[in-house]
Amino acid sequence: MQYTNPDLISHAYKLVSKKWILAIVAVILVGLISNVGSAIDEKLAILNIFLSGALAVGSATFFLKIVRGQEERIEDIFDGFKTNYVASLVATIVMSIVIILGIIALIVPGIILALGLSQTFYILAEDKEISGIDAMKKSWEMMDGWKMKYFLLCMLYLGMGILGLLALVVGLLFVIPIISTSNALFYEKLKAGELKQP
């Protein structure tokens, strides 16, 4: 089967709907912990950099397990701290710098860079030995020819997010797990060559 973007979201919904409570708890924890620095004091926002990459790897690990039908646990969200922390930190810092510079250069290059590097943390979640830079390079290679598809998928996410906000914000607790599962599914189907071009 060649997956369209609506197919990805629909299939992701079916997968995560069996795991709602655990997925919602995981999303809330990742959101809270990754922003703990700025929550304490704006001057401590720099701490978020040291947390967000590892948590992104952990979140990728958690949702990849849902997609693969494996047993996921809340502890999975801390996986990035236990295995390849330095790689996730390097990837976070370099990606942030590259994307910010791209955005400064008329925005569009920044968007293209962000799309091309979008699979980095899934690669880090799957390969515990790869470096942050090599994971970025691999993501860029994987996304060759697929950036527009992922951009359009993100536009669907935007619409879902708006609907979640309209549903008294609580809707986001259901929307974000669907998006996270869709992203993990995108990675899996991209690797398998089972994505349909837009």
N, C-alpha and C. Protein backbone atom coordinates (compact mmCIF):
# COMPACT_ATOMS: atom_id res chain seq x y z
N MET A 1 0.85 -1.20 0.00
CA MET A 1 0.00 0.00 0.00
C MET A 1 0.88 1.25 0.00
N GLN A 2 0.54 2.20 -0.84
CA GLN A 2 1.22 3.47 -0.89
C GLN A 2 0.39 4.49 -0.09
N TYR A 3 0.96 5.00 0.97
CA TYR A 3 0.22 5.85 1.91
C TYR A 3 0.15 7.31 1.47
N THR A 4 -1.07 7.85 1.42
CA THR A 4 -1.26 9.28 1.26
C THR A 4 -1.18 9.90 2.65
N ASN A 5 -1.14 11.22 2.73
CA ASN A 5 -1.10 11.86 4.05
C ASN A 5 -2.34 11.56 4.89
N PRO A 6 -3.55 11.63 4.31
CA PRO A 6 -4.73 11.26 5.09
C PRO A 6 -4.67 9.80 5.57
N ASP A 7 -4.09 8.93 4.75
CA ASP A 7 -3.93 7.52 5.15
C ASP A 7 -3.06 7.43 6.40
N LEU A 8 -1.97 8.20 6.42
CA LEU A 8 -1.06 8.18 7.56
C LEU A 8 -1.78 8.61 8.83
N ILE A 9 -2.53 9.69 8.74
CA ILE A 9 -3.23 10.21 9.92
C ILE A 9 -4.31 9.25 10.38
N SER A 10 -5.05 8.69 9.42
CA SER A 10 -6.11 7.74 9.74
C SER A 10 -5.56 6.49 10.42
N HIS A 11 -4.47 5.97 9.86
CA HIS A 11 -3.87 4.76 10.43
C HIS A 11 -3.25 5.06 11.80
N ALA A 12 -2.66 6.24 11.93
CA ALA A 12 -2.07 6.64 13.21
C ALA A 12 -3.15 6.74 14.28
N TYR A 13 -4.30 7.28 13.90
CA TYR A 13 -5.41 7.39 14.85
C TYR A 13 -5.84 6.01 15.35
N LYS A 14 -5.93 5.06 14.44
CA LYS A 14 -6.34 3.70 14.83
C LYS A 14 -5.32 3.08 15.78
N LEU A 15 -4.05 3.33 15.53
CA LEU A 15 -3.00 2.76 16.37
C LEU A 15 -2.98 3.37 17.76
N VAL A 16 -3.04 4.70 17.81
CA VAL A 16 -2.90 5.38 19.11
C VAL A 16 -4.20 5.35 19.92
N SER A 17 -5.33 5.13 19.25
CA SER A 17 -6.61 5.12 19.98
C SER A 17 -6.68 3.97 20.99
N LYS A 18 -5.83 2.97 20.79
CA LYS A 18 -5.78 1.85 21.74
C LYS A 18 -4.87 2.17 22.93
N LYS A 19 -4.18 3.32 22.83
CA LYS A 19 -3.18 3.67 23.84
C LYS A 19 -3.36 5.10 24.35
N TRP A 20 -4.58 5.62 24.30
CA TRP A 20 -4.81 7.04 24.56
C TRP A 20 -4.16 7.54 25.84
N ILE A 21 -4.49 6.91 26.96
CA ILE A 21 -4.04 7.42 28.26
C ILE A 21 -2.52 7.48 28.33
N LEU A 22 -1.87 6.39 27.96
CA LEU A 22 -0.40 6.35 28.01
C LEU A 22 0.21 7.38 27.07
N ALA A 23 -0.36 7.51 25.87
CA ALA A 23 0.17 8.47 24.89
C ALA A 23 0.00 9.91 25.37
N ILE A 24 -1.14 10.20 25.96
CA ILE A 24 -1.40 11.56 26.48
C ILE A 24 -0.44 11.88 27.62
N VAL A 25 -0.24 10.92 28.53
CA VAL A 25 0.70 11.12 29.64
C VAL A 25 2.10 11.37 29.10
N ALA A 26 2.52 10.59 28.10
CA ALA A 26 3.85 10.75 27.50
C ALA A 26 4.01 12.13 26.89
N VAL A 27 3.00 12.58 26.16
CA VAL A 27 3.05 13.90 25.51
C VAL A 27 3.14 15.02 26.55
N ILE A 28 2.35 14.91 27.60
CA ILE A 28 2.36 15.94 28.66
C ILE A 28 3.71 15.98 29.36
N LEU A 29 4.25 14.81 29.68
CA LEU A 29 5.55 14.76 30.37
C LEU A 29 6.67 15.35 29.51
N VAL A 30 6.69 14.97 28.23
CA VAL A 30 7.72 15.50 27.33
C VAL A 30 7.60 17.02 27.23
N GLY A 31 6.37 17.52 27.12
CA GLY A 31 6.16 18.96 27.02
C GLY A 31 6.60 19.70 28.27
N LEU A 32 6.26 19.15 29.43
CA LEU A 32 6.61 19.80 30.69
C LEU A 32 8.11 19.78 30.95
N ILE A 33 8.72 18.61 30.78
CA ILE A 33 10.14 18.47 31.09
C ILE A 33 11.02 19.25 30.11
N SER A 34 10.65 19.24 28.84
CA SER A 34 11.48 19.93 27.84
C SER A 34 11.44 21.44 28.00
N ASN A 35 10.46 21.95 28.76
CA ASN A 35 10.36 23.40 28.98
C ASN A 35 10.56 23.78 30.44
N VAL A 36 11.15 22.87 31.21
CA VAL A 36 11.29 23.12 32.64
C VAL A 36 12.15 24.34 32.94
N GLY A 37 13.17 24.57 32.11
CA GLY A 37 14.05 25.72 32.34
C GLY A 37 13.29 27.03 32.29
N SER A 38 12.57 27.27 31.18
CA SER A 38 11.82 28.51 31.03
C SER A 38 10.67 28.61 31.99
N ALA A 39 10.16 27.46 32.46
CA ALA A 39 9.06 27.46 33.43
C ALA A 39 9.54 27.98 34.79
N ILE A 40 10.80 27.69 35.12
CA ILE A 40 11.36 28.15 36.39
C ILE A 40 11.72 29.63 36.32
N ASP A 41 12.41 29.98 35.25
CA ASP A 41 12.85 31.37 35.07
C ASP A 41 13.25 31.55 33.61
N GLU A 42 12.88 32.68 33.03
CA GLU A 42 13.21 32.93 31.63
C GLU A 42 14.72 32.87 31.38
N LYS A 43 15.51 33.22 32.39
CA LYS A 43 16.96 33.19 32.25
C LYS A 43 17.50 31.77 32.17
N LEU A 44 16.67 30.81 32.60
CA LEU A 44 17.10 29.41 32.59
C LEU A 44 16.61 28.67 31.34
N ALA A 45 16.04 29.41 30.39
CA ALA A 45 15.51 28.79 29.17
C ALA A 45 16.58 28.02 28.40
N ILE A 46 17.86 28.41 28.60
CA ILE A 46 18.97 27.71 27.95
C ILE A 46 19.00 26.23 28.34
N LEU A 47 18.48 25.92 29.52
CA LEU A 47 18.46 24.53 29.99
C LEU A 47 17.62 23.65 29.07
N ASN A 48 16.63 24.26 28.42
CA ASN A 48 15.74 23.50 27.54
C ASN A 48 16.53 22.80 26.42
N ILE A 49 17.61 23.44 25.98
CA ILE A 49 18.43 22.87 24.90
C ILE A 49 19.02 21.53 25.34
N PHE A 50 19.38 21.45 26.62
CA PHE A 50 20.02 20.23 27.14
C PHE A 50 19.01 19.11 27.42
N LEU A 51 17.73 19.44 27.32
CA LEU A 51 16.68 18.46 27.60
C LEU A 51 15.90 18.06 26.35
N SER A 52 15.66 19.02 25.46
CA SER A 52 14.73 18.80 24.35
C SER A 52 15.17 17.72 23.37
N GLY A 53 16.48 17.67 23.06
CA GLY A 53 16.95 16.67 22.09
C GLY A 53 16.77 15.25 22.59
N ALA A 54 17.20 15.01 23.83
CA ALA A 54 17.07 13.68 24.42
C ALA A 54 15.61 13.28 24.55
N LEU A 55 14.76 14.24 24.88
CA LEU A 55 13.33 13.95 25.01
C LEU A 55 12.70 13.70 23.63
N ALA A 56 13.23 14.36 22.60
CA ALA A 56 12.74 14.11 21.24
C ALA A 56 13.07 12.69 20.81
N VAL A 57 14.26 12.23 21.19
CA VAL A 57 14.65 10.84 20.90
C VAL A 57 13.75 9.88 21.68
N GLY A 58 13.51 10.20 22.95
CA GLY A 58 12.64 9.35 23.77
C GLY A 58 11.22 9.30 23.25
N SER A 59 10.70 10.44 22.83
CA SER A 59 9.36 10.49 22.26
C SER A 59 9.29 9.68 20.97
N ALA A 60 10.34 9.80 20.15
CA ALA A 60 10.40 9.02 18.91
C ALA A 60 10.40 7.52 19.22
N THR A 61 11.16 7.14 20.23
CA THR A 61 11.21 5.73 20.65
C THR A 61 9.83 5.25 21.08
N PHE A 62 9.16 6.05 21.89
CA PHE A 62 7.83 5.70 22.41
C PHE A 62 6.82 5.50 21.27
N PHE A 63 6.75 6.45 20.35
CA PHE A 63 5.74 6.38 19.29
C PHE A 63 6.11 5.39 18.19
N LEU A 64 7.40 5.16 17.99
CA LEU A 64 7.79 4.10 17.05
C LEU A 64 7.33 2.75 17.57
N LYS A 65 7.36 2.56 18.88
CA LYS A 65 6.90 1.30 19.46
C LYS A 65 5.40 1.12 19.24
N ILE A 66 4.65 2.20 19.33
CA ILE A 66 3.21 2.13 19.05
C ILE A 66 2.98 1.72 17.60
N VAL A 67 3.72 2.35 16.70
CA VAL A 67 3.59 2.06 15.27
C VAL A 67 3.97 0.61 14.95
N ARG A 68 4.98 0.11 15.65
CA ARG A 68 5.49 -1.23 15.39
C ARG A 68 4.77 -2.32 16.19
N GLY A 69 3.81 -1.91 17.00
CA GLY A 69 3.07 -2.90 17.78
C GLY A 69 3.88 -3.48 18.92
N GLN A 70 4.91 -2.76 19.34
CA GLN A 70 5.73 -3.21 20.46
C GLN A 70 5.18 -2.64 21.77
N GLU A 71 5.62 -3.19 22.88
CA GLU A 71 5.14 -2.72 24.18
C GLU A 71 5.86 -1.43 24.55
N GLU A 72 5.10 -0.35 24.59
CA GLU A 72 5.68 0.94 24.94
C GLU A 72 5.49 1.19 26.45
N ARG A 73 6.41 1.95 27.02
CA ARG A 73 6.35 2.31 28.43
C ARG A 73 6.67 3.79 28.58
N ILE A 74 6.17 4.40 29.63
CA ILE A 74 6.44 5.81 29.87
C ILE A 74 7.94 6.06 29.98
N GLU A 75 8.67 5.09 30.54
CA GLU A 75 10.12 5.24 30.69
C GLU A 75 10.82 5.44 29.35
N ASP A 76 10.17 5.04 28.25
CA ASP A 76 10.78 5.18 26.93
C ASP A 76 11.11 6.63 26.60
N ILE A 77 10.35 7.57 27.16
CA ILE A 77 10.59 8.98 26.83
C ILE A 77 11.93 9.47 27.38
N PHE A 78 12.53 8.71 28.28
CA PHE A 78 13.84 9.08 28.82
C PHE A 78 14.98 8.32 28.13
N ASP A 79 14.65 7.59 27.08
CA ASP A 79 15.63 6.76 26.38
C ASP A 79 16.82 7.56 25.86
N GLY A 80 16.56 8.78 25.42
CA GLY A 80 17.62 9.62 24.87
C GLY A 80 18.67 10.03 25.88
N PHE A 81 18.32 9.98 27.16
CA PHE A 81 19.29 10.32 28.21
C PHE A 81 20.19 9.13 28.53
N LYS A 82 19.70 7.94 28.22
CA LYS A 82 20.41 6.72 28.63
C LYS A 82 21.36 6.18 27.56
N THR A 83 21.09 6.47 26.30
CA THR A 83 21.86 5.81 25.25
C THR A 83 22.74 6.76 24.43
N ASN A 84 22.13 7.74 23.79
CA ASN A 84 22.92 8.60 22.89
C ASN A 84 22.66 10.09 23.17
N TYR A 85 22.84 10.46 24.43
CA TYR A 85 22.56 11.84 24.86
C TYR A 85 23.39 12.86 24.09
N VAL A 86 24.69 12.62 24.00
CA VAL A 86 25.58 13.58 23.33
C VAL A 86 25.17 13.78 21.87
N ALA A 87 24.83 12.69 21.19
CA ALA A 87 24.41 12.78 19.78
C ALA A 87 23.14 13.61 19.65
N SER A 88 22.19 13.41 20.57
CA SER A 88 20.93 14.16 20.51
C SER A 88 21.17 15.64 20.82
N LEU A 89 22.10 15.92 21.74
CA LEU A 89 22.42 17.31 22.08
C LEU A 89 23.08 18.01 20.91
N VAL A 90 24.05 17.34 20.29
CA VAL A 90 24.74 17.91 19.13
C VAL A 90 23.74 18.18 18.01
N ALA A 91 22.87 17.21 17.75
CA ALA A 91 21.87 17.37 16.69
C ALA A 91 20.95 18.55 16.99
N THR A 92 20.52 18.68 18.24
CA THR A 92 19.64 19.78 18.63
C THR A 92 20.29 21.13 18.39
N ILE A 93 21.53 21.27 18.83
CA ILE A 93 22.24 22.56 18.70
C ILE A 93 22.51 22.90 17.24
N VAL A 94 23.04 21.94 16.50
CA VAL A 94 23.39 22.20 15.09
C VAL A 94 22.12 22.46 14.27
N MET A 95 21.08 21.65 14.49
CA MET A 95 19.84 21.85 13.75
C MET A 95 19.24 23.22 14.04
N SER A 96 19.26 23.63 15.30
CA SER A 96 18.71 24.93 15.68
C SER A 96 19.45 26.06 14.97
N ILE A 97 20.78 25.98 14.97
CA ILE A 97 21.58 27.02 14.32
C ILE A 97 21.32 27.06 12.82
N VAL A 98 21.35 25.89 12.20
CA VAL A 98 21.16 25.80 10.74
C VAL A 98 19.78 26.32 10.34
N ILE A 99 18.74 25.89 11.07
CA ILE A 99 17.37 26.30 10.71
C ILE A 99 17.16 27.79 10.95
N ILE A 100 17.71 28.31 12.07
CA ILE A 100 17.58 29.75 12.35
C ILE A 100 18.27 30.57 11.27
N LEU A 101 19.45 30.15 10.87
CA LEU A 101 20.16 30.86 9.80
C LEU A 101 19.36 30.79 8.50
N GLY A 102 18.74 29.63 8.26
CA GLY A 102 17.93 29.48 7.06
C GLY A 102 16.72 30.38 7.07
N ILE A 103 16.12 30.53 8.25
CA ILE A 103 14.94 31.40 8.39
C ILE A 103 15.33 32.87 8.19
N ILE A 104 16.49 33.23 8.73
CA ILE A 104 16.98 34.60 8.54
C ILE A 104 17.18 34.88 7.05
N ALA A 105 17.58 33.84 6.33
CA ALA A 105 17.80 33.98 4.88
C ALA A 105 16.47 33.80 4.13
N LEU A 106 15.51 34.66 4.45
CA LEU A 106 14.23 34.73 3.74
C LEU A 106 13.24 33.59 4.06
N ILE A 107 13.35 32.96 5.20
CA ILE A 107 12.37 32.00 5.73
C ILE A 107 12.31 30.67 4.97
N VAL A 108 12.10 30.72 3.67
CA VAL A 108 11.92 29.49 2.89
C VAL A 108 13.08 28.51 3.06
N PRO A 109 14.34 28.98 2.98
CA PRO A 109 15.44 28.03 3.19
C PRO A 109 15.37 27.35 4.56
N GLY A 110 14.92 28.10 5.56
CA GLY A 110 14.78 27.53 6.90
C GLY A 110 13.75 26.42 6.95
N ILE A 111 12.65 26.63 6.24
CA ILE A 111 11.59 25.62 6.18
C ILE A 111 12.11 24.37 5.47
N ILE A 112 12.81 24.57 4.36
CA ILE A 112 13.36 23.45 3.60
C ILE A 112 14.34 22.65 4.46
N LEU A 113 15.19 23.37 5.20
CA LEU A 113 16.15 22.70 6.08
C LEU A 113 15.45 21.91 7.18
N ALA A 114 14.42 22.51 7.76
CA ALA A 114 13.67 21.84 8.82
C ALA A 114 13.01 20.57 8.31
N LEU A 115 12.46 20.63 7.10
CA LEU A 115 11.83 19.46 6.50
C LEU A 115 12.87 18.37 6.22
N GLY A 116 14.01 18.78 5.70
CA GLY A 116 15.05 17.81 5.36
C GLY A 116 15.65 17.12 6.57
N LEU A 117 15.65 17.81 7.70
CA LEU A 117 16.25 17.26 8.92
C LEU A 117 15.22 16.65 9.86
N SER A 118 13.99 16.59 9.41
CA SER A 118 12.87 16.18 10.27
C SER A 118 12.93 14.75 10.81
N GLN A 119 13.72 13.90 10.17
CA GLN A 119 13.77 12.50 10.60
C GLN A 119 14.95 12.21 11.54
N THR A 120 15.70 13.23 11.87
CA THR A 120 16.93 13.06 12.66
C THR A 120 16.71 12.30 13.97
N PHE A 121 15.71 12.68 14.74
CA PHE A 121 15.54 12.07 16.05
C PHE A 121 14.98 10.64 15.98
N TYR A 122 14.28 10.34 14.89
CA TYR A 122 13.84 8.94 14.69
C TYR A 122 15.05 8.06 14.37
N ILE A 123 15.96 8.62 13.60
CA ILE A 123 17.19 7.89 13.26
C ILE A 123 18.01 7.65 14.52
N LEU A 124 18.12 8.68 15.38
CA LEU A 124 18.85 8.55 16.63
C LEU A 124 18.18 7.56 17.58
N ALA A 125 16.85 7.51 17.52
CA ALA A 125 16.11 6.57 18.37
C ALA A 125 16.36 5.13 17.95
N GLU A 126 16.58 4.95 16.66
CA GLU A 126 16.74 3.60 16.11
C GLU A 126 18.20 3.13 16.11
N ASP A 127 19.12 4.06 15.91
CA ASP A 127 20.54 3.72 15.83
C ASP A 127 21.27 4.36 17.00
N LYS A 128 21.62 3.57 17.98
CA LYS A 128 22.24 4.09 19.21
C LYS A 128 23.71 4.46 19.01
N GLU A 129 24.30 4.08 17.89
CA GLU A 129 25.72 4.32 17.67
C GLU A 129 25.99 5.52 16.75
N ILE A 130 24.98 5.96 16.03
CA ILE A 130 25.19 7.02 15.05
C ILE A 130 25.41 8.37 15.73
N SER A 131 26.23 9.22 15.13
CA SER A 131 26.48 10.55 15.68
C SER A 131 25.34 11.49 15.29
N GLY A 132 25.25 12.61 16.00
CA GLY A 132 24.20 13.58 15.70
C GLY A 132 24.31 14.12 14.29
N ILE A 133 25.53 14.43 13.86
CA ILE A 133 25.75 14.97 12.51
C ILE A 133 25.40 13.93 11.44
N ASP A 134 25.81 12.69 11.67
CA ASP A 134 25.51 11.63 10.69
C ASP A 134 24.01 11.37 10.61
N ALA A 135 23.32 11.50 11.74
CA ALA A 135 21.86 11.31 11.75
C ALA A 135 21.20 12.42 10.93
N MET A 136 21.72 13.63 11.05
CA MET A 136 21.21 14.73 10.25
C MET A 136 21.43 14.49 8.76
N LYS A 137 22.63 14.03 8.42
CA LYS A 137 22.96 13.74 7.01
C LYS A 137 22.02 12.66 6.46
N LYS A 138 21.80 11.62 7.27
CA LYS A 138 20.95 10.52 6.84
C LYS A 138 19.51 10.99 6.64
N SER A 139 19.04 11.85 7.56
CA SER A 139 17.70 12.41 7.42
C SER A 139 17.58 13.20 6.12
N TRP A 140 18.59 14.00 5.84
CA TRP A 140 18.57 14.82 4.62
C TRP A 140 18.49 13.94 3.38
N GLU A 141 19.25 12.85 3.38
CA GLU A 141 19.24 11.92 2.26
C GLU A 141 17.87 11.22 2.14
N MET A 142 17.32 10.80 3.27
CA MET A 142 16.02 10.10 3.27
C MET A 142 14.90 11.00 2.74
N MET A 143 15.01 12.30 3.06
CA MET A 143 13.93 13.23 2.71
C MET A 143 14.06 13.80 1.30
N ASP A 144 15.08 13.37 0.58
CA ASP A 144 15.25 13.83 -0.80
C ASP A 144 14.04 13.39 -1.63
N GLY A 145 13.30 14.34 -2.11
CA GLY A 145 12.11 14.05 -2.90
C GLY A 145 10.83 13.93 -2.09
N TRP A 146 10.95 14.05 -0.76
CA TRP A 146 9.77 13.87 0.10
C TRP A 146 9.46 15.09 0.97
N LYS A 147 10.20 16.17 0.76
CA LYS A 147 9.98 17.36 1.59
C LYS A 147 8.60 17.97 1.38
N MET A 148 8.13 18.01 0.14
CA MET A 148 6.81 18.58 -0.12
C MET A 148 5.71 17.75 0.53
N LYS A 149 5.84 16.44 0.46
CA LYS A 149 4.84 15.57 1.09
C LYS A 149 4.78 15.83 2.60
N TYR A 150 5.96 15.95 3.22
CA TYR A 150 5.99 16.17 4.66
C TYR A 150 5.47 17.57 5.00
N PHE A 151 5.77 18.55 4.13
CA PHE A 151 5.25 19.91 4.34
C PHE A 151 3.73 19.91 4.32
N LEU A 152 3.15 19.20 3.35
CA LEU A 152 1.69 19.13 3.25
C LEU A 152 1.10 18.38 4.45
N LEU A 153 1.83 17.38 4.94
CA LEU A 153 1.39 16.67 6.14
C LEU A 153 1.37 17.62 7.33
N CYS A 154 2.38 18.48 7.43
CA CYS A 154 2.44 19.47 8.51
C CYS A 154 1.30 20.48 8.40
N MET A 155 0.88 20.78 7.18
CA MET A 155 -0.26 21.68 7.01
C MET A 155 -1.55 21.03 7.54
N LEU A 156 -1.66 19.73 7.35
CA LEU A 156 -2.80 19.00 7.93
C LEU A 156 -2.72 19.05 9.45
N TYR A 157 -1.52 18.92 9.98
CA TYR A 157 -1.33 19.01 11.43
C TYR A 157 -1.77 20.37 11.95
N LEU A 158 -1.46 21.40 11.18
CA LEU A 158 -1.83 22.77 11.58
C LEU A 158 -3.35 22.87 11.71
N GLY A 159 -4.05 22.33 10.72
CA GLY A 159 -5.51 22.33 10.78
C GLY A 159 -6.04 21.54 11.96
N MET A 160 -5.42 20.40 12.23
CA MET A 160 -5.81 19.59 13.39
C MET A 160 -5.56 20.34 14.69
N GLY A 161 -4.44 21.07 14.74
CA GLY A 161 -4.11 21.83 15.94
C GLY A 161 -5.11 22.93 16.20
N ILE A 162 -5.54 23.60 15.13
CA ILE A 162 -6.54 24.67 15.27
C ILE A 162 -7.85 24.09 15.80
N LEU A 163 -8.24 22.94 15.26
CA LEU A 163 -9.46 22.28 15.75
C LEU A 163 -9.32 21.89 17.21
N GLY A 164 -8.11 21.43 17.58
CA GLY A 164 -7.86 21.05 18.97
C GLY A 164 -7.98 22.25 19.90
N LEU A 165 -7.50 23.41 19.45
CA LEU A 165 -7.61 24.64 20.25
C LEU A 165 -9.06 25.08 20.38
N LEU A 166 -9.80 24.94 19.29
CA LEU A 166 -11.21 25.32 19.32
C LEU A 166 -12.02 24.43 20.27
N ALA A 167 -11.55 23.19 20.43
CA ALA A 167 -12.24 22.25 21.34
C ALA A 167 -11.76 22.49 22.76
N LEU A 168 -11.82 23.77 23.17
CA LEU A 168 -11.47 24.17 24.54
C LEU A 168 -10.05 23.76 24.94
N VAL A 169 -9.15 23.73 23.95
CA VAL A 169 -7.74 23.40 24.15
C VAL A 169 -7.53 21.92 24.52
N VAL A 170 -8.49 21.34 25.24
CA VAL A 170 -8.39 19.95 25.67
C VAL A 170 -8.21 19.03 24.46
N GLY A 171 -8.76 19.45 23.33
CA GLY A 171 -8.65 18.66 22.12
C GLY A 171 -7.21 18.40 21.72
N LEU A 172 -6.31 19.31 22.13
CA LEU A 172 -4.89 19.13 21.80
C LEU A 172 -4.31 17.90 22.46
N LEU A 173 -4.87 17.50 23.60
CA LEU A 173 -4.40 16.30 24.29
C LEU A 173 -4.63 15.05 23.45
N PHE A 174 -5.58 15.13 22.53
CA PHE A 174 -5.84 14.01 21.63
C PHE A 174 -5.16 14.22 20.28
N VAL A 175 -5.07 15.47 19.86
CA VAL A 175 -4.47 15.78 18.56
C VAL A 175 -2.96 15.51 18.55
N ILE A 176 -2.26 15.94 19.60
CA ILE A 176 -0.79 15.80 19.62
C ILE A 176 -0.35 14.34 19.57
N PRO A 177 -0.99 13.41 20.32
CA PRO A 177 -0.60 12.00 20.18
C PRO A 177 -0.83 11.46 18.76
N ILE A 178 -1.89 11.93 18.09
CA ILE A 178 -2.15 11.49 16.72
C ILE A 178 -1.04 12.00 15.80
N ILE A 179 -0.66 13.26 15.99
CA ILE A 179 0.42 13.84 15.18
C ILE A 179 1.74 13.11 15.43
N SER A 180 2.03 12.83 16.70
CA SER A 180 3.28 12.15 17.05
C SER A 180 3.32 10.75 16.45
N THR A 181 2.19 10.07 16.46
CA THR A 181 2.12 8.73 15.88
C THR A 181 2.21 8.81 14.36
N SER A 182 1.59 9.82 13.77
CA SER A 182 1.66 10.01 12.31
C SER A 182 3.09 10.24 11.86
N ASN A 183 3.84 11.03 12.65
CA ASN A 183 5.24 11.29 12.30
C ASN A 183 6.08 10.02 12.37
N ALA A 184 5.83 9.21 13.39
CA ALA A 184 6.56 7.94 13.52
C ALA A 184 6.20 7.02 12.35
N LEU A 185 4.93 7.04 11.97
CA LEU A 185 4.47 6.21 10.85
C LEU A 185 5.07 6.71 9.54
N PHE A 186 5.17 8.02 9.39
CA PHE A 186 5.81 8.60 8.20
C PHE A 186 7.23 8.07 8.07
N TYR A 187 7.97 8.07 9.18
CA TYR A 187 9.34 7.57 9.18
C TYR A 187 9.40 6.11 8.75
N GLU A 188 8.51 5.29 9.32
CA GLU A 188 8.50 3.87 9.00
C GLU A 188 8.18 3.63 7.53
N LYS A 189 7.18 4.32 7.01
CA LYS A 189 6.77 4.11 5.63
C LYS A 189 7.77 4.73 4.65
N LEU A 190 8.46 5.78 5.07
CA LEU A 190 9.51 6.37 4.25
C LEU A 190 10.64 5.36 4.06
N LYS A 191 11.03 4.72 5.15
CA LYS A 191 12.08 3.70 5.08
C LYS A 191 11.65 2.53 4.20
N ALA A 192 10.38 2.16 4.31
CA ALA A 192 9.88 0.98 3.59
C ALA A 192 9.54 1.28 2.15
N GLY A 193 9.60 2.55 1.74
CA GLY A 193 9.24 2.93 0.37
C GLY A 193 7.76 2.81 0.12
N GLU A 194 6.95 3.07 1.17
CA GLU A 194 5.51 2.89 1.05
C GLU A 194 4.73 4.21 1.16
N LEU A 195 5.39 5.29 0.75
CA LEU A 195 4.71 6.58 0.74
C LEU A 195 4.33 6.95 -0.69
N LYS A 196 3.16 7.57 -0.82
CA LYS A 196 2.70 8.03 -2.15
C LYS A 196 3.03 9.50 -2.31
N GLN A 197 3.60 9.84 -3.41
CA GLN A 197 3.91 11.24 -3.68
C GLN A 197 2.61 12.07 -3.76
N PRO A 198 2.66 13.31 -3.27
CA PRO A 198 1.43 14.15 -3.31
C PRO A 198 1.04 14.48 -4.73
